[in-house]
Amino acid sequence: MISFSIGNFMFELDHRLKSDCVEIGSLSLCKILLMKDANYPWLILVPQRQDVTELYELDGDDQEQFIWESSFVAERLMNGYQGDKMNIGALGNVVPQLHIHHILRKKTDAAWPNPVWGAVPPKAYKPNELSQRIEQLAKFFESSTFTPNR
């Protein structure tokens, strides 16, 4: 696990999320991760709270903040990439740490209209594509609440 100090407690990002994703930055509550699959604009929000596996386990203030951050990310992705549908889901069967997928879907994507899991093999980003995607996303999320990963 990767450790981050948040206030007076430690937050550890699950090693599978760390290996499957690239960190884009942070909002007040969540880390924003980019899934390493170029088939879709696919982000994962991870509330920076230790030992939380379900959304209802967050306190009321964090639940409200999460809804705001999720909506913010979804809207910016949809507007930035002109998507047809935003798939948002929390599964957690393999990685128990609370993390919520935000996958922009287009009617022309490889899995449409089915779920993305297992539809096609993950497509690796080329190094220049990955850096361009990260730069685009950082611009989409520019605000007083977003801190880009440096």
N, C-alpha and C. Protein backbone atom coordinates (compact mmCIF):
# COMPACT_ATOMS: atom_id res chain seq x y z
N MET A 1 0.82 -1.18 0.00
CA MET A 1 0.00 0.00 0.00
C MET A 1 0.87 1.25 0.00
N ILE A 2 0.38 2.30 -0.63
CA ILE A 2 1.06 3.59 -0.68
C ILE A 2 0.44 4.48 0.39
N SER A 3 1.26 5.15 1.19
CA SER A 3 0.76 5.95 2.30
C SER A 3 0.78 7.44 1.98
N PHE A 4 -0.26 8.13 2.41
CA PHE A 4 -0.36 9.58 2.32
C PHE A 4 -0.76 10.07 3.70
N SER A 5 -0.18 11.17 4.15
CA SER A 5 -0.59 11.75 5.42
C SER A 5 -1.65 12.80 5.15
N ILE A 6 -2.83 12.62 5.73
CA ILE A 6 -3.95 13.54 5.57
C ILE A 6 -4.32 14.02 6.97
N GLY A 7 -4.00 15.26 7.28
CA GLY A 7 -4.31 15.77 8.62
C GLY A 7 -3.58 14.94 9.66
N ASN A 8 -4.34 14.42 10.63
CA ASN A 8 -3.75 13.66 11.72
C ASN A 8 -3.81 12.15 11.52
N PHE A 9 -4.09 11.69 10.31
CA PHE A 9 -4.15 10.25 10.10
C PHE A 9 -3.49 9.89 8.77
N MET A 10 -3.24 8.62 8.61
CA MET A 10 -2.61 8.13 7.39
C MET A 10 -3.68 7.57 6.45
N PHE A 11 -3.46 7.80 5.18
CA PHE A 11 -4.32 7.22 4.15
C PHE A 11 -3.43 6.38 3.27
N GLU A 12 -3.82 5.15 3.03
CA GLU A 12 -3.04 4.25 2.19
C GLU A 12 -3.86 3.85 0.98
N LEU A 13 -3.31 4.09 -0.20
CA LEU A 13 -3.95 3.69 -1.45
C LEU A 13 -3.62 2.23 -1.72
N ASP A 14 -4.64 1.44 -1.99
CA ASP A 14 -4.46 0.01 -2.25
C ASP A 14 -3.46 -0.19 -3.39
N HIS A 15 -2.58 -1.16 -3.23
CA HIS A 15 -1.51 -1.39 -4.21
C HIS A 15 -2.05 -1.73 -5.61
N ARG A 16 -3.23 -2.33 -5.70
CA ARG A 16 -3.79 -2.65 -7.02
C ARG A 16 -4.25 -1.39 -7.73
N LEU A 17 -4.82 -0.46 -7.00
CA LEU A 17 -5.20 0.82 -7.61
C LEU A 17 -3.94 1.57 -8.06
N LYS A 18 -2.92 1.51 -7.23
CA LYS A 18 -1.66 2.19 -7.56
C LYS A 18 -1.05 1.60 -8.84
N SER A 19 -1.12 0.29 -9.02
CA SER A 19 -0.51 -0.32 -10.20
C SER A 19 -1.38 -0.21 -11.45
N ASP A 20 -2.70 -0.15 -11.29
CA ASP A 20 -3.61 -0.09 -12.44
C ASP A 20 -3.92 1.32 -12.90
N CYS A 21 -3.48 2.33 -12.13
CA CYS A 21 -3.89 3.71 -12.39
C CYS A 21 -2.71 4.66 -12.30
N VAL A 22 -2.96 5.88 -12.78
CA VAL A 22 -2.03 6.99 -12.64
C VAL A 22 -2.77 8.07 -11.87
N GLU A 23 -2.12 8.64 -10.87
CA GLU A 23 -2.77 9.70 -10.10
C GLU A 23 -2.78 11.00 -10.90
N ILE A 24 -3.97 11.58 -11.02
CA ILE A 24 -4.15 12.86 -11.73
C ILE A 24 -4.02 14.02 -10.75
N GLY A 25 -4.60 13.87 -9.57
CA GLY A 25 -4.58 14.92 -8.56
C GLY A 25 -5.57 14.61 -7.47
N SER A 26 -5.92 15.65 -6.71
CA SER A 26 -6.82 15.49 -5.59
C SER A 26 -7.84 16.61 -5.54
N LEU A 27 -8.99 16.27 -5.01
CA LEU A 27 -9.99 17.24 -4.61
C LEU A 27 -9.97 17.26 -3.07
N SER A 28 -10.90 17.92 -2.45
CA SER A 28 -10.88 18.01 -0.99
C SER A 28 -10.94 16.65 -0.31
N LEU A 29 -11.75 15.75 -0.83
CA LEU A 29 -11.93 14.43 -0.23
C LEU A 29 -11.20 13.33 -0.99
N CYS A 30 -11.28 13.36 -2.31
CA CYS A 30 -10.86 12.22 -3.11
C CYS A 30 -9.57 12.43 -3.90
N LYS A 31 -8.84 11.33 -4.03
CA LYS A 31 -7.78 11.24 -5.03
C LYS A 31 -8.47 10.94 -6.34
N ILE A 32 -7.97 11.51 -7.44
CA ILE A 32 -8.49 11.20 -8.78
C ILE A 32 -7.43 10.38 -9.49
N LEU A 33 -7.81 9.17 -9.89
CA LEU A 33 -6.91 8.26 -10.58
C LEU A 33 -7.41 8.02 -11.99
N LEU A 34 -6.49 7.90 -12.93
CA LEU A 34 -6.80 7.54 -14.32
C LEU A 34 -6.48 6.07 -14.51
N MET A 35 -7.47 5.29 -14.90
CA MET A 35 -7.25 3.88 -15.19
C MET A 35 -6.36 3.77 -16.42
N LYS A 36 -5.40 2.86 -16.37
CA LYS A 36 -4.47 2.66 -17.49
C LYS A 36 -5.13 1.82 -18.59
N ASP A 37 -6.22 2.33 -19.15
CA ASP A 37 -6.93 1.68 -20.25
C ASP A 37 -7.40 2.78 -21.19
N ALA A 38 -6.71 2.91 -22.31
CA ALA A 38 -6.99 3.99 -23.26
C ALA A 38 -8.26 3.77 -24.07
N ASN A 39 -8.95 2.65 -23.86
CA ASN A 39 -10.21 2.43 -24.57
C ASN A 39 -11.28 3.44 -24.18
N TYR A 40 -11.19 3.97 -22.96
CA TYR A 40 -12.23 4.87 -22.44
C TYR A 40 -11.58 5.93 -21.55
N PRO A 41 -12.15 7.13 -21.49
CA PRO A 41 -11.78 8.04 -20.41
C PRO A 41 -12.36 7.46 -19.11
N TRP A 42 -11.50 6.93 -18.26
CA TRP A 42 -11.92 6.14 -17.11
C TRP A 42 -11.19 6.63 -15.87
N LEU A 43 -11.92 7.28 -14.99
CA LEU A 43 -11.35 7.80 -13.76
C LEU A 43 -11.91 7.05 -12.56
N ILE A 44 -11.14 7.05 -11.51
CA ILE A 44 -11.57 6.44 -10.26
C ILE A 44 -11.37 7.46 -9.15
N LEU A 45 -12.42 7.69 -8.38
CA LEU A 45 -12.34 8.57 -7.22
C LEU A 45 -12.16 7.70 -5.98
N VAL A 46 -11.17 8.05 -5.17
CA VAL A 46 -10.89 7.30 -3.94
C VAL A 46 -10.95 8.27 -2.77
N PRO A 47 -12.01 8.18 -1.93
CA PRO A 47 -12.04 9.03 -0.75
C PRO A 47 -10.82 8.75 0.13
N GLN A 48 -10.17 9.80 0.57
CA GLN A 48 -8.95 9.66 1.37
C GLN A 48 -9.30 9.42 2.83
N ARG A 49 -9.91 8.28 3.05
CA ARG A 49 -10.31 7.85 4.39
C ARG A 49 -9.87 6.40 4.55
N GLN A 50 -9.26 6.11 5.66
CA GLN A 50 -8.73 4.77 5.91
C GLN A 50 -9.83 3.81 6.34
N ASP A 51 -9.72 2.56 5.91
CA ASP A 51 -10.60 1.48 6.34
C ASP A 51 -12.07 1.72 6.03
N VAL A 52 -12.35 2.31 4.86
CA VAL A 52 -13.71 2.51 4.40
C VAL A 52 -13.90 1.67 3.14
N THR A 53 -14.93 0.83 3.15
CA THR A 53 -15.19 -0.03 2.00
C THR A 53 -16.50 0.31 1.28
N GLU A 54 -17.39 1.02 1.96
CA GLU A 54 -18.69 1.35 1.38
C GLU A 54 -18.97 2.84 1.54
N LEU A 55 -19.72 3.41 0.60
CA LEU A 55 -20.04 4.83 0.63
C LEU A 55 -20.77 5.22 1.92
N TYR A 56 -21.68 4.38 2.39
CA TYR A 56 -22.44 4.70 3.59
C TYR A 56 -21.57 4.75 4.85
N GLU A 57 -20.35 4.22 4.78
CA GLU A 57 -19.45 4.26 5.94
C GLU A 57 -18.79 5.63 6.11
N LEU A 58 -18.85 6.47 5.10
CA LEU A 58 -18.35 7.84 5.25
C LEU A 58 -19.31 8.61 6.15
N ASP A 59 -18.79 9.57 6.91
CA ASP A 59 -19.71 10.37 7.72
C ASP A 59 -20.53 11.28 6.79
N GLY A 60 -21.55 11.91 7.33
CA GLY A 60 -22.49 12.69 6.52
C GLY A 60 -21.81 13.78 5.71
N ASP A 61 -20.88 14.51 6.32
CA ASP A 61 -20.17 15.57 5.58
C ASP A 61 -19.37 15.00 4.42
N ASP A 62 -18.69 13.88 4.65
CA ASP A 62 -17.91 13.26 3.58
C ASP A 62 -18.82 12.71 2.48
N GLN A 63 -19.98 12.18 2.84
CA GLN A 63 -20.92 11.71 1.82
C GLN A 63 -21.36 12.86 0.92
N GLU A 64 -21.69 13.99 1.53
CA GLU A 64 -22.08 15.16 0.73
C GLU A 64 -20.92 15.64 -0.14
N GLN A 65 -19.72 15.68 0.42
CA GLN A 65 -18.55 16.11 -0.35
C GLN A 65 -18.30 15.15 -1.50
N PHE A 66 -18.45 13.84 -1.24
CA PHE A 66 -18.25 12.88 -2.32
C PHE A 66 -19.24 13.10 -3.45
N ILE A 67 -20.51 13.31 -3.13
CA ILE A 67 -21.51 13.54 -4.18
C ILE A 67 -21.13 14.76 -5.01
N TRP A 68 -20.67 15.82 -4.36
CA TRP A 68 -20.25 17.01 -5.09
C TRP A 68 -19.07 16.69 -6.00
N GLU A 69 -18.05 16.00 -5.45
CA GLU A 69 -16.85 15.70 -6.24
C GLU A 69 -17.17 14.75 -7.39
N SER A 70 -18.00 13.77 -7.16
CA SER A 70 -18.39 12.84 -8.22
C SER A 70 -19.12 13.58 -9.34
N SER A 71 -20.03 14.45 -8.97
CA SER A 71 -20.78 15.23 -9.97
C SER A 71 -19.85 16.16 -10.73
N PHE A 72 -18.93 16.80 -10.03
CA PHE A 72 -17.95 17.69 -10.64
C PHE A 72 -17.13 16.94 -11.70
N VAL A 73 -16.58 15.79 -11.31
CA VAL A 73 -15.76 14.99 -12.22
C VAL A 73 -16.59 14.51 -13.41
N ALA A 74 -17.79 13.99 -13.16
CA ALA A 74 -18.64 13.48 -14.24
C ALA A 74 -18.98 14.58 -15.24
N GLU A 75 -19.37 15.74 -14.73
CA GLU A 75 -19.74 16.84 -15.62
C GLU A 75 -18.55 17.32 -16.45
N ARG A 76 -17.39 17.45 -15.82
CA ARG A 76 -16.21 17.91 -16.55
C ARG A 76 -15.78 16.89 -17.60
N LEU A 77 -15.88 15.61 -17.29
CA LEU A 77 -15.55 14.57 -18.28
C LEU A 77 -16.52 14.61 -19.46
N MET A 78 -17.82 14.67 -19.15
CA MET A 78 -18.84 14.69 -20.21
C MET A 78 -18.67 15.90 -21.11
N ASN A 79 -18.46 17.07 -20.52
CA ASN A 79 -18.30 18.28 -21.32
C ASN A 79 -16.99 18.26 -22.10
N GLY A 80 -15.93 17.76 -21.48
CA GLY A 80 -14.62 17.75 -22.12
C GLY A 80 -14.51 16.78 -23.27
N TYR A 81 -15.12 15.62 -23.14
CA TYR A 81 -15.00 14.57 -24.16
C TYR A 81 -16.29 14.30 -24.92
N GLN A 82 -17.32 15.09 -24.70
CA GLN A 82 -18.60 14.93 -25.38
C GLN A 82 -19.09 13.48 -25.37
N GLY A 83 -19.28 12.96 -24.17
CA GLY A 83 -19.74 11.59 -24.03
C GLY A 83 -21.23 11.45 -24.26
N ASP A 84 -21.66 10.20 -24.45
CA ASP A 84 -23.07 9.88 -24.58
C ASP A 84 -23.68 9.44 -23.25
N LYS A 85 -22.85 8.88 -22.36
CA LYS A 85 -23.33 8.36 -21.08
C LYS A 85 -22.17 8.31 -20.11
N MET A 86 -22.47 8.57 -18.85
CA MET A 86 -21.46 8.47 -17.80
C MET A 86 -21.82 7.27 -16.93
N ASN A 87 -20.95 6.28 -16.89
CA ASN A 87 -21.16 5.12 -16.02
C ASN A 87 -20.41 5.37 -14.72
N ILE A 88 -21.12 5.32 -13.62
CA ILE A 88 -20.53 5.52 -12.30
C ILE A 88 -20.87 4.30 -11.47
N GLY A 89 -19.85 3.69 -10.88
CA GLY A 89 -20.13 2.50 -10.10
C GLY A 89 -19.07 2.18 -9.07
N ALA A 90 -19.51 1.59 -7.97
CA ALA A 90 -18.62 1.12 -6.92
C ALA A 90 -18.83 -0.38 -6.80
N LEU A 91 -17.82 -1.15 -7.14
CA LEU A 91 -17.94 -2.59 -7.05
C LEU A 91 -17.22 -3.11 -5.81
N GLY A 92 -15.90 -3.06 -5.81
CA GLY A 92 -15.14 -3.42 -4.63
C GLY A 92 -15.04 -4.90 -4.34
N ASN A 93 -15.35 -5.73 -5.30
CA ASN A 93 -15.24 -7.18 -5.06
C ASN A 93 -13.79 -7.64 -5.02
N VAL A 94 -12.93 -7.02 -5.80
CA VAL A 94 -11.50 -7.38 -5.83
C VAL A 94 -10.69 -6.44 -4.95
N VAL A 95 -10.94 -5.15 -5.06
CA VAL A 95 -10.25 -4.14 -4.25
C VAL A 95 -11.27 -3.60 -3.25
N PRO A 96 -11.17 -4.00 -1.98
CA PRO A 96 -12.19 -3.59 -1.02
C PRO A 96 -12.16 -2.10 -0.66
N GLN A 97 -11.02 -1.43 -0.83
CA GLN A 97 -10.96 0.00 -0.51
C GLN A 97 -12.00 0.74 -1.33
N LEU A 98 -12.77 1.62 -0.69
CA LEU A 98 -13.79 2.36 -1.40
C LEU A 98 -13.17 3.14 -2.56
N HIS A 99 -13.64 2.84 -3.75
CA HIS A 99 -13.21 3.55 -4.96
C HIS A 99 -14.39 3.50 -5.93
N ILE A 100 -14.62 4.61 -6.59
CA ILE A 100 -15.80 4.71 -7.45
C ILE A 100 -15.35 5.02 -8.87
N HIS A 101 -15.73 4.15 -9.80
CA HIS A 101 -15.38 4.29 -11.21
C HIS A 101 -16.26 5.32 -11.87
N HIS A 102 -15.67 6.16 -12.71
CA HIS A 102 -16.37 7.14 -13.54
C HIS A 102 -15.87 6.90 -14.96
N ILE A 103 -16.71 6.26 -15.78
CA ILE A 103 -16.29 5.85 -17.12
C ILE A 103 -17.15 6.57 -18.15
N LEU A 104 -16.51 7.39 -18.95
CA LEU A 104 -17.24 8.09 -20.01
C LEU A 104 -17.47 7.11 -21.15
N ARG A 105 -18.72 6.99 -21.57
CA ARG A 105 -19.07 6.07 -22.63
C ARG A 105 -19.54 6.84 -23.85
N LYS A 106 -19.18 6.30 -25.00
CA LYS A 106 -19.65 6.82 -26.28
C LYS A 106 -20.28 5.66 -27.04
N LYS A 107 -21.26 5.99 -27.85
CA LYS A 107 -21.93 4.94 -28.64
C LYS A 107 -20.97 4.27 -29.60
N THR A 108 -19.83 4.88 -29.84
CA THR A 108 -18.83 4.31 -30.75
C THR A 108 -17.73 3.53 -30.03
N ASP A 109 -17.79 3.43 -28.68
CA ASP A 109 -16.71 2.73 -27.99
C ASP A 109 -16.83 1.22 -28.18
N ALA A 110 -15.75 0.53 -27.89
CA ALA A 110 -15.64 -0.91 -28.18
C ALA A 110 -16.65 -1.77 -27.45
N ALA A 111 -17.15 -1.32 -26.32
CA ALA A 111 -18.05 -2.16 -25.52
C ALA A 111 -19.51 -1.72 -25.59
N TRP A 112 -19.80 -0.58 -26.20
CA TRP A 112 -21.16 -0.05 -26.21
C TRP A 112 -22.16 -1.06 -26.73
N PRO A 113 -23.29 -1.23 -26.13
CA PRO A 113 -23.83 -0.61 -24.92
C PRO A 113 -23.57 -1.42 -23.65
N ASN A 114 -22.74 -2.43 -23.74
CA ASN A 114 -22.49 -3.34 -22.62
C ASN A 114 -21.50 -2.75 -21.62
N PRO A 115 -21.39 -3.36 -20.44
CA PRO A 115 -20.38 -2.92 -19.47
C PRO A 115 -18.97 -3.06 -20.05
N VAL A 116 -18.04 -2.26 -19.55
CA VAL A 116 -16.68 -2.28 -20.08
C VAL A 116 -15.87 -3.46 -19.59
N TRP A 117 -16.20 -3.99 -18.40
CA TRP A 117 -15.39 -5.06 -17.82
C TRP A 117 -15.41 -6.31 -18.70
N GLY A 118 -14.24 -6.69 -19.17
CA GLY A 118 -14.09 -7.90 -19.96
C GLY A 118 -14.56 -7.81 -21.40
N ALA A 119 -15.04 -6.65 -21.83
CA ALA A 119 -15.56 -6.52 -23.19
C ALA A 119 -14.44 -6.60 -24.23
N VAL A 120 -13.37 -5.89 -23.98
CA VAL A 120 -12.19 -5.90 -24.85
C VAL A 120 -10.96 -5.83 -23.95
N PRO A 121 -9.82 -6.30 -24.44
CA PRO A 121 -8.61 -6.22 -23.61
C PRO A 121 -8.26 -4.75 -23.34
N PRO A 122 -7.69 -4.47 -22.16
CA PRO A 122 -7.25 -3.10 -21.88
C PRO A 122 -6.22 -2.66 -22.93
N LYS A 123 -6.32 -1.41 -23.30
CA LYS A 123 -5.40 -0.84 -24.29
C LYS A 123 -4.45 0.11 -23.55
N ALA A 124 -3.16 -0.18 -23.60
CA ALA A 124 -2.18 0.66 -22.92
C ALA A 124 -2.07 2.01 -23.60
N TYR A 125 -1.87 3.04 -22.79
CA TYR A 125 -1.59 4.36 -23.34
C TYR A 125 -0.15 4.38 -23.85
N LYS A 126 0.06 5.01 -24.99
CA LYS A 126 1.42 5.30 -25.43
C LYS A 126 1.91 6.44 -24.53
N PRO A 127 3.23 6.52 -24.28
CA PRO A 127 3.72 7.55 -23.34
C PRO A 127 3.23 8.97 -23.66
N ASN A 128 3.25 9.37 -24.92
CA ASN A 128 2.79 10.72 -25.25
C ASN A 128 1.28 10.86 -25.08
N GLU A 129 0.52 9.79 -25.34
CA GLU A 129 -0.93 9.83 -25.14
C GLU A 129 -1.28 9.97 -23.66
N LEU A 130 -0.54 9.26 -22.81
CA LEU A 130 -0.79 9.32 -21.38
C LEU A 130 -0.54 10.72 -20.85
N SER A 131 0.58 11.31 -21.23
CA SER A 131 0.87 12.67 -20.73
C SER A 131 -0.14 13.68 -21.27
N GLN A 132 -0.58 13.52 -22.52
CA GLN A 132 -1.61 14.41 -23.07
C GLN A 132 -2.93 14.26 -22.33
N ARG A 133 -3.32 13.02 -22.04
CA ARG A 133 -4.58 12.77 -21.32
C ARG A 133 -4.51 13.40 -19.93
N ILE A 134 -3.40 13.25 -19.24
CA ILE A 134 -3.25 13.82 -17.90
C ILE A 134 -3.34 15.34 -17.96
N GLU A 135 -2.70 15.95 -18.94
CA GLU A 135 -2.76 17.42 -19.10
C GLU A 135 -4.19 17.87 -19.39
N GLN A 136 -4.90 17.15 -20.28
CA GLN A 136 -6.29 17.49 -20.58
C GLN A 136 -7.14 17.44 -19.33
N LEU A 137 -7.01 16.36 -18.59
CA LEU A 137 -7.83 16.18 -17.39
C LEU A 137 -7.53 17.26 -16.36
N ALA A 138 -6.26 17.59 -16.17
CA ALA A 138 -5.91 18.64 -15.22
C ALA A 138 -6.57 19.96 -15.62
N LYS A 139 -6.65 20.24 -16.92
CA LYS A 139 -7.32 21.46 -17.39
C LYS A 139 -8.83 21.38 -17.15
N PHE A 140 -9.41 20.21 -17.40
CA PHE A 140 -10.85 20.04 -17.16
C PHE A 140 -11.20 20.33 -15.70
N PHE A 141 -10.32 19.93 -14.79
CA PHE A 141 -10.61 20.01 -13.36
C PHE A 141 -10.07 21.28 -12.70
N GLU A 142 -9.48 22.18 -13.49
CA GLU A 142 -8.95 23.41 -12.90
C GLU A 142 -10.03 24.11 -12.09
N SER A 143 -9.73 24.33 -10.82
CA SER A 143 -10.68 24.98 -9.91
C SER A 143 -9.93 25.24 -8.61
N SER A 144 -10.60 25.91 -7.70
CA SER A 144 -9.99 26.18 -6.39
C SER A 144 -9.90 24.90 -5.54
N THR A 145 -10.62 23.84 -5.94
CA THR A 145 -10.63 22.63 -5.13
C THR A 145 -9.70 21.53 -5.67
N PHE A 146 -9.19 21.69 -6.90
CA PHE A 146 -8.38 20.65 -7.52
C PHE A 146 -6.89 20.95 -7.34
N THR A 147 -6.14 19.96 -6.88
CA THR A 147 -4.70 20.05 -6.79
C THR A 147 -4.10 19.00 -7.72
N PRO A 148 -3.44 19.42 -8.81
CA PRO A 148 -2.87 18.42 -9.73
C PRO A 148 -1.71 17.68 -9.08
N ASN A 149 -1.51 16.44 -9.51
CA ASN A 149 -0.37 15.65 -9.05
C ASN A 149 0.86 16.18 -9.76
N ARG A 150 1.90 16.40 -9.08
CA ARG A 150 3.15 16.92 -9.68
C ARG A 150 4.22 15.87 -9.67
